[in-house]
N, C-alpha and C. Protein backbone atom coordinates (compact mmCIF):
# COMPACT_ATOMS: atom_id res chain seq x y z
N MET A 1 -114.53 118.21 -37.97
CA MET A 1 -113.98 119.39 -37.32
C MET A 1 -115.05 119.98 -36.42
N SER A 2 -114.67 120.38 -35.23
CA SER A 2 -115.65 120.90 -34.28
C SER A 2 -116.14 122.30 -34.68
N ASP A 3 -117.32 122.64 -34.22
CA ASP A 3 -117.91 123.96 -34.46
C ASP A 3 -116.96 125.06 -33.99
N ARG A 4 -116.46 124.89 -32.79
CA ARG A 4 -115.58 125.91 -32.20
C ARG A 4 -114.31 126.08 -33.01
N LEU A 5 -113.76 124.98 -33.50
CA LEU A 5 -112.52 125.07 -34.28
C LEU A 5 -112.76 125.81 -35.60
N VAL A 6 -113.90 125.56 -36.24
CA VAL A 6 -114.23 126.29 -37.47
C VAL A 6 -114.26 127.79 -37.19
N LEU A 7 -114.92 128.18 -36.12
CA LEU A 7 -115.02 129.60 -35.78
C LEU A 7 -113.65 130.19 -35.47
N LEU A 8 -112.85 129.47 -34.71
CA LEU A 8 -111.52 129.97 -34.33
C LEU A 8 -110.62 130.11 -35.56
N LEU A 9 -110.59 129.10 -36.41
CA LEU A 9 -109.73 129.15 -37.60
C LEU A 9 -110.19 130.23 -38.58
N ALA A 10 -111.49 130.38 -38.74
CA ALA A 10 -112.00 131.43 -39.62
C ALA A 10 -111.61 132.81 -39.09
N ALA A 11 -111.74 133.00 -37.79
CA ALA A 11 -111.36 134.28 -37.18
C ALA A 11 -109.87 134.54 -37.33
N MET A 12 -109.07 133.55 -37.03
CA MET A 12 -107.62 133.72 -37.14
C MET A 12 -107.18 133.98 -38.58
N GLY A 13 -107.84 133.34 -39.52
CA GLY A 13 -107.49 133.54 -40.93
C GLY A 13 -107.89 134.90 -41.45
N LEU A 14 -108.96 135.47 -40.90
CA LEU A 14 -109.45 136.74 -41.41
C LEU A 14 -108.68 137.94 -40.86
N VAL A 15 -108.09 137.82 -39.68
CA VAL A 15 -107.37 138.96 -39.09
C VAL A 15 -106.26 139.48 -39.99
N PRO A 16 -105.33 138.64 -40.47
CA PRO A 16 -104.28 139.21 -41.32
C PRO A 16 -104.81 139.80 -42.63
N ILE A 17 -105.88 139.22 -43.16
CA ILE A 17 -106.46 139.77 -44.38
C ILE A 17 -107.07 141.14 -44.09
N ALA A 18 -107.79 141.25 -42.98
CA ALA A 18 -108.37 142.54 -42.59
C ALA A 18 -107.28 143.59 -42.42
N LEU A 19 -106.24 143.24 -41.72
CA LEU A 19 -105.15 144.19 -41.49
C LEU A 19 -104.44 144.54 -42.78
N SER A 20 -104.31 143.60 -43.69
CA SER A 20 -103.65 143.89 -44.97
C SER A 20 -104.46 144.88 -45.79
N TYR A 21 -105.77 144.85 -45.66
CA TYR A 21 -106.61 145.81 -46.37
C TYR A 21 -106.57 147.20 -45.74
N GLY A 22 -106.56 147.28 -44.41
CA GLY A 22 -106.83 148.57 -43.80
C GLY A 22 -105.80 149.19 -42.90
N LEU A 23 -104.80 148.44 -42.47
CA LEU A 23 -103.83 149.03 -41.54
C LEU A 23 -103.02 150.13 -42.23
N VAL A 24 -102.37 149.81 -43.32
CA VAL A 24 -101.62 150.79 -44.13
C VAL A 24 -101.90 150.46 -45.60
N PRO A 25 -103.12 150.77 -46.07
CA PRO A 25 -103.51 150.34 -47.41
C PRO A 25 -102.62 150.90 -48.52
N SER A 26 -102.03 152.06 -48.30
CA SER A 26 -101.18 152.63 -49.35
C SER A 26 -99.93 151.79 -49.60
N GLN A 27 -99.57 150.94 -48.63
CA GLN A 27 -98.41 150.06 -48.80
C GLN A 27 -98.82 148.62 -49.11
N SER A 28 -99.81 148.11 -48.38
CA SER A 28 -100.16 146.69 -48.52
C SER A 28 -100.95 146.38 -49.78
N VAL A 29 -101.88 147.24 -50.14
CA VAL A 29 -102.73 146.95 -51.31
C VAL A 29 -101.90 146.92 -52.61
N PRO A 30 -101.03 147.90 -52.85
CA PRO A 30 -100.21 147.80 -54.07
C PRO A 30 -99.33 146.54 -54.08
N TYR A 31 -98.82 146.16 -52.93
CA TYR A 31 -97.96 144.97 -52.85
C TYR A 31 -98.76 143.70 -53.12
N LEU A 32 -99.91 143.55 -52.47
CA LEU A 32 -100.70 142.32 -52.58
C LEU A 32 -101.58 142.27 -53.83
N LEU A 33 -102.16 143.40 -54.18
CA LEU A 33 -103.18 143.40 -55.23
C LEU A 33 -102.75 144.12 -56.50
N GLU A 34 -101.58 144.71 -56.47
CA GLU A 34 -100.97 145.30 -57.67
C GLU A 34 -101.72 146.50 -58.24
N PHE A 35 -102.31 147.34 -57.36
CA PHE A 35 -102.83 148.62 -57.81
C PHE A 35 -102.65 149.64 -56.69
N PRO A 36 -102.48 150.91 -57.05
CA PRO A 36 -102.21 151.93 -56.04
C PRO A 36 -103.46 152.34 -55.27
N VAL A 37 -103.26 152.72 -54.04
CA VAL A 37 -104.31 153.35 -53.23
C VAL A 37 -103.91 154.80 -53.10
N GLU A 38 -104.74 155.66 -53.66
CA GLU A 38 -104.40 157.09 -53.73
C GLU A 38 -105.51 157.91 -53.11
N GLY A 39 -105.17 158.70 -52.13
CA GLY A 39 -106.11 159.65 -51.56
C GLY A 39 -106.93 159.10 -50.41
N THR A 40 -107.59 160.03 -49.76
CA THR A 40 -108.37 159.74 -48.56
C THR A 40 -109.55 158.82 -48.85
N ASN A 41 -110.24 159.02 -49.96
CA ASN A 41 -111.43 158.22 -50.24
C ASN A 41 -111.09 156.74 -50.40
N GLN A 42 -110.04 156.43 -51.12
CA GLN A 42 -109.67 155.02 -51.29
C GLN A 42 -109.18 154.43 -49.97
N THR A 43 -108.39 155.19 -49.23
CA THR A 43 -107.94 154.72 -47.92
C THR A 43 -109.13 154.46 -47.01
N HIS A 44 -110.10 155.36 -47.05
CA HIS A 44 -111.31 155.22 -46.24
C HIS A 44 -112.05 153.92 -46.55
N VAL A 45 -112.19 153.61 -47.83
CA VAL A 45 -112.89 152.38 -48.24
C VAL A 45 -112.16 151.15 -47.70
N PHE A 46 -110.85 151.11 -47.83
CA PHE A 46 -110.10 149.94 -47.35
C PHE A 46 -110.13 149.83 -45.83
N ARG A 47 -110.14 150.94 -45.13
CA ARG A 47 -110.24 150.88 -43.67
C ARG A 47 -111.63 150.45 -43.24
N ALA A 48 -112.65 150.82 -44.00
CA ALA A 48 -114.02 150.35 -43.70
C ALA A 48 -114.11 148.84 -43.91
N ILE A 49 -113.49 148.34 -44.97
CA ILE A 49 -113.45 146.89 -45.20
C ILE A 49 -112.77 146.20 -44.03
N MET A 50 -111.65 146.77 -43.56
CA MET A 50 -110.97 146.20 -42.41
C MET A 50 -111.91 146.15 -41.20
N GLY A 51 -112.63 147.23 -40.97
CA GLY A 51 -113.56 147.26 -39.84
C GLY A 51 -114.65 146.21 -39.95
N LEU A 52 -115.19 146.03 -41.14
CA LEU A 52 -116.21 145.01 -41.37
C LEU A 52 -115.65 143.62 -41.10
N TYR A 53 -114.46 143.36 -41.61
CA TYR A 53 -113.82 142.06 -41.38
C TYR A 53 -113.57 141.83 -39.90
N LEU A 54 -113.04 142.83 -39.21
CA LEU A 54 -112.73 142.66 -37.78
C LEU A 54 -114.00 142.51 -36.94
N ALA A 55 -115.08 143.16 -37.34
CA ALA A 55 -116.36 142.98 -36.64
C ALA A 55 -116.83 141.53 -36.76
N ASN A 56 -116.68 140.95 -37.93
CA ASN A 56 -117.03 139.54 -38.11
C ASN A 56 -116.13 138.66 -37.24
N VAL A 57 -114.86 138.96 -37.21
CA VAL A 57 -113.93 138.20 -36.37
C VAL A 57 -114.40 138.21 -34.91
N LEU A 58 -114.78 139.38 -34.41
CA LEU A 58 -115.24 139.47 -33.02
C LEU A 58 -116.50 138.62 -32.80
N PHE A 59 -117.41 138.64 -33.77
CA PHE A 59 -118.63 137.85 -33.64
C PHE A 59 -118.30 136.36 -33.64
N TRP A 60 -117.40 135.94 -34.51
CA TRP A 60 -117.02 134.53 -34.58
C TRP A 60 -116.30 134.11 -33.31
N LEU A 61 -115.48 134.98 -32.74
CA LEU A 61 -114.82 134.66 -31.47
C LEU A 61 -115.84 134.60 -30.32
N ALA A 62 -116.86 135.44 -30.38
CA ALA A 62 -117.92 135.36 -29.37
C ALA A 62 -118.64 134.02 -29.49
N GLY A 63 -118.88 133.56 -30.72
CA GLY A 63 -119.48 132.25 -30.93
C GLY A 63 -118.58 131.12 -30.46
N PHE A 64 -117.29 131.30 -30.62
CA PHE A 64 -116.32 130.33 -30.11
C PHE A 64 -116.42 130.23 -28.59
N ALA A 65 -116.56 131.37 -27.92
CA ALA A 65 -116.54 131.41 -26.46
C ALA A 65 -117.89 131.12 -25.81
N MET A 66 -118.97 131.47 -26.50
CA MET A 66 -120.30 131.36 -25.89
C MET A 66 -121.18 130.43 -26.72
N SER A 67 -121.61 129.35 -26.11
CA SER A 67 -122.40 128.35 -26.84
C SER A 67 -123.70 128.93 -27.38
N SER A 68 -124.27 129.93 -26.72
CA SER A 68 -125.54 130.51 -27.19
C SER A 68 -125.37 131.27 -28.51
N LEU A 69 -124.15 131.66 -28.84
CA LEU A 69 -123.90 132.37 -30.10
C LEU A 69 -123.27 131.49 -31.17
N ARG A 70 -123.03 130.24 -30.85
CA ARG A 70 -122.29 129.36 -31.77
C ARG A 70 -123.00 129.19 -33.11
N VAL A 71 -124.27 128.86 -33.11
CA VAL A 71 -124.99 128.65 -34.37
C VAL A 71 -125.10 129.95 -35.16
N PRO A 72 -125.50 131.08 -34.54
CA PRO A 72 -125.52 132.32 -35.32
C PRO A 72 -124.14 132.70 -35.87
N ALA A 73 -123.08 132.45 -35.12
CA ALA A 73 -121.73 132.76 -35.60
C ALA A 73 -121.36 131.87 -36.78
N LEU A 74 -121.73 130.59 -36.72
CA LEU A 74 -121.47 129.70 -37.86
C LEU A 74 -122.24 130.16 -39.09
N TRP A 75 -123.48 130.61 -38.90
CA TRP A 75 -124.22 131.18 -40.02
C TRP A 75 -123.50 132.41 -40.56
N GLY A 76 -122.93 133.21 -39.66
CA GLY A 76 -122.17 134.37 -40.09
C GLY A 76 -120.98 133.99 -40.95
N VAL A 77 -120.25 132.95 -40.54
CA VAL A 77 -119.12 132.47 -41.34
C VAL A 77 -119.62 132.00 -42.70
N PHE A 78 -120.67 131.20 -42.69
CA PHE A 78 -121.20 130.66 -43.94
C PHE A 78 -121.64 131.77 -44.90
N ILE A 79 -122.40 132.72 -44.41
CA ILE A 79 -122.91 133.80 -45.26
C ILE A 79 -121.78 134.70 -45.74
N PHE A 80 -120.88 135.08 -44.84
CA PHE A 80 -119.77 135.97 -45.19
C PHE A 80 -118.87 135.31 -46.24
N MET A 81 -118.45 134.09 -45.97
CA MET A 81 -117.53 133.41 -46.90
C MET A 81 -118.21 133.07 -48.22
N SER A 82 -119.47 132.64 -48.17
CA SER A 82 -120.20 132.33 -49.40
C SER A 82 -120.40 133.58 -50.26
N GLY A 83 -120.70 134.68 -49.61
CA GLY A 83 -120.89 135.93 -50.34
C GLY A 83 -119.61 136.38 -51.03
N LEU A 84 -118.51 136.33 -50.30
CA LEU A 84 -117.23 136.69 -50.92
C LEU A 84 -116.90 135.75 -52.07
N ALA A 85 -117.07 134.46 -51.86
CA ALA A 85 -116.75 133.48 -52.90
C ALA A 85 -117.65 133.68 -54.13
N ALA A 86 -118.92 133.93 -53.92
CA ALA A 86 -119.84 134.14 -55.04
C ALA A 86 -119.43 135.37 -55.85
N GLY A 87 -119.06 136.42 -55.17
CA GLY A 87 -118.60 137.61 -55.88
C GLY A 87 -117.33 137.36 -56.66
N ARG A 88 -116.41 136.63 -56.07
CA ARG A 88 -115.15 136.31 -56.77
C ARG A 88 -115.40 135.40 -57.97
N ILE A 89 -116.30 134.44 -57.82
CA ILE A 89 -116.63 133.54 -58.94
C ILE A 89 -117.28 134.33 -60.07
N ALA A 90 -118.18 135.24 -59.73
CA ALA A 90 -118.79 136.10 -60.75
C ALA A 90 -117.72 136.91 -61.46
N SER A 91 -116.77 137.44 -60.71
CA SER A 91 -115.69 138.21 -61.31
C SER A 91 -114.80 137.35 -62.21
N LEU A 92 -114.55 136.11 -61.80
CA LEU A 92 -113.78 135.21 -62.67
C LEU A 92 -114.48 135.03 -64.02
N ILE A 93 -115.78 134.84 -63.97
CA ILE A 93 -116.56 134.63 -65.20
C ILE A 93 -116.61 135.91 -66.04
N ILE A 94 -116.84 137.03 -65.39
CA ILE A 94 -117.04 138.29 -66.11
C ILE A 94 -115.72 138.95 -66.49
N ASP A 95 -114.77 138.96 -65.55
CA ASP A 95 -113.55 139.77 -65.71
C ASP A 95 -112.31 138.97 -66.07
N GLY A 96 -112.32 137.68 -65.80
CA GLY A 96 -111.14 136.87 -66.06
C GLY A 96 -110.35 136.57 -64.79
N MET A 97 -109.16 136.07 -64.97
CA MET A 97 -108.33 135.57 -63.88
C MET A 97 -107.60 136.70 -63.13
N PRO A 98 -107.78 136.76 -61.80
CA PRO A 98 -107.02 137.73 -61.00
C PRO A 98 -105.67 137.14 -60.60
N ASN A 99 -104.94 137.87 -59.74
CA ASN A 99 -103.63 137.37 -59.31
C ASN A 99 -103.79 136.21 -58.31
N PHE A 100 -102.66 135.60 -57.98
CA PHE A 100 -102.63 134.41 -57.12
C PHE A 100 -103.25 134.66 -55.75
N VAL A 101 -103.00 135.83 -55.17
CA VAL A 101 -103.51 136.13 -53.83
C VAL A 101 -105.04 136.02 -53.81
N LEU A 102 -105.68 136.57 -54.82
CA LEU A 102 -107.15 136.55 -54.85
C LEU A 102 -107.70 135.16 -55.13
N ILE A 103 -106.99 134.35 -55.87
CA ILE A 103 -107.39 132.95 -56.06
C ILE A 103 -107.25 132.19 -54.74
N ALA A 104 -106.18 132.45 -54.00
CA ALA A 104 -106.00 131.81 -52.69
C ALA A 104 -107.13 132.21 -51.74
N TYR A 105 -107.52 133.50 -51.77
CA TYR A 105 -108.64 133.94 -50.94
C TYR A 105 -109.91 133.19 -51.33
N LEU A 106 -110.16 133.04 -52.63
CA LEU A 106 -111.35 132.32 -53.10
C LEU A 106 -111.37 130.89 -52.58
N LEU A 107 -110.25 130.21 -52.68
CA LEU A 107 -110.19 128.83 -52.20
C LEU A 107 -110.45 128.74 -50.70
N ALA A 108 -109.86 129.66 -49.94
CA ALA A 108 -110.08 129.68 -48.49
C ALA A 108 -111.54 129.97 -48.17
N GLU A 109 -112.16 130.88 -48.90
CA GLU A 109 -113.57 131.21 -48.67
C GLU A 109 -114.46 130.01 -48.95
N ILE A 110 -114.19 129.29 -50.00
CA ILE A 110 -114.98 128.09 -50.32
C ILE A 110 -114.82 127.04 -49.22
N VAL A 111 -113.58 126.84 -48.76
CA VAL A 111 -113.33 125.85 -47.70
C VAL A 111 -114.06 126.24 -46.42
N PHE A 112 -113.96 127.50 -46.01
CA PHE A 112 -114.61 127.91 -44.77
C PHE A 112 -116.12 127.91 -44.87
N ALA A 113 -116.66 128.27 -46.03
CA ALA A 113 -118.12 128.18 -46.21
C ALA A 113 -118.57 126.74 -46.08
N ALA A 114 -117.81 125.83 -46.69
CA ALA A 114 -118.15 124.40 -46.60
C ALA A 114 -118.05 123.89 -45.18
N LEU A 115 -116.98 124.26 -44.48
CA LEU A 115 -116.81 123.82 -43.08
C LEU A 115 -117.95 124.33 -42.20
N ALA A 116 -118.33 125.59 -42.39
CA ALA A 116 -119.43 126.14 -41.60
C ALA A 116 -120.74 125.43 -41.94
N PHE A 117 -120.97 125.14 -43.21
CA PHE A 117 -122.17 124.45 -43.63
C PHE A 117 -122.24 123.05 -42.99
N ILE A 118 -121.13 122.36 -43.03
CA ILE A 118 -121.06 121.01 -42.42
C ILE A 118 -121.34 121.10 -40.93
N ALA A 119 -120.73 122.07 -40.27
CA ALA A 119 -120.95 122.24 -38.82
C ALA A 119 -122.41 122.56 -38.52
N LEU A 120 -123.05 123.34 -39.35
CA LEU A 120 -124.47 123.69 -39.14
C LEU A 120 -125.38 122.50 -39.34
N ARG A 121 -124.99 121.57 -40.19
CA ARG A 121 -125.84 120.39 -40.46
C ARG A 121 -125.79 119.36 -39.34
N LYS A 122 -124.80 119.46 -38.46
CA LYS A 122 -124.66 118.46 -37.39
C LYS A 122 -125.74 118.58 -36.36
């Protein structure tokens, strides 16, 4: 898989997840993650997560478009996805099994971390 395709697919995959966390968290989070979002503070946290995710998407798209940013953007994918996956794996060990959505996210994070790692080794 090409470097550019890894960046494009990672960016495209992260947009709906980002929006599901922060666009209307009081509706999407209870539906996807099965717990309520109540009050300004919780909404604020989910919108900040959305902003962080979308900032990464923009960086990965910049790497897709500009060859000078390609390697740093691939490192960004690798670090971001590996970090999320490591946290989820720790939670599996410590807390037990989450719902299907979070397992699907874990699998996608592992795949994208691996793809970015492979692309960086080329």
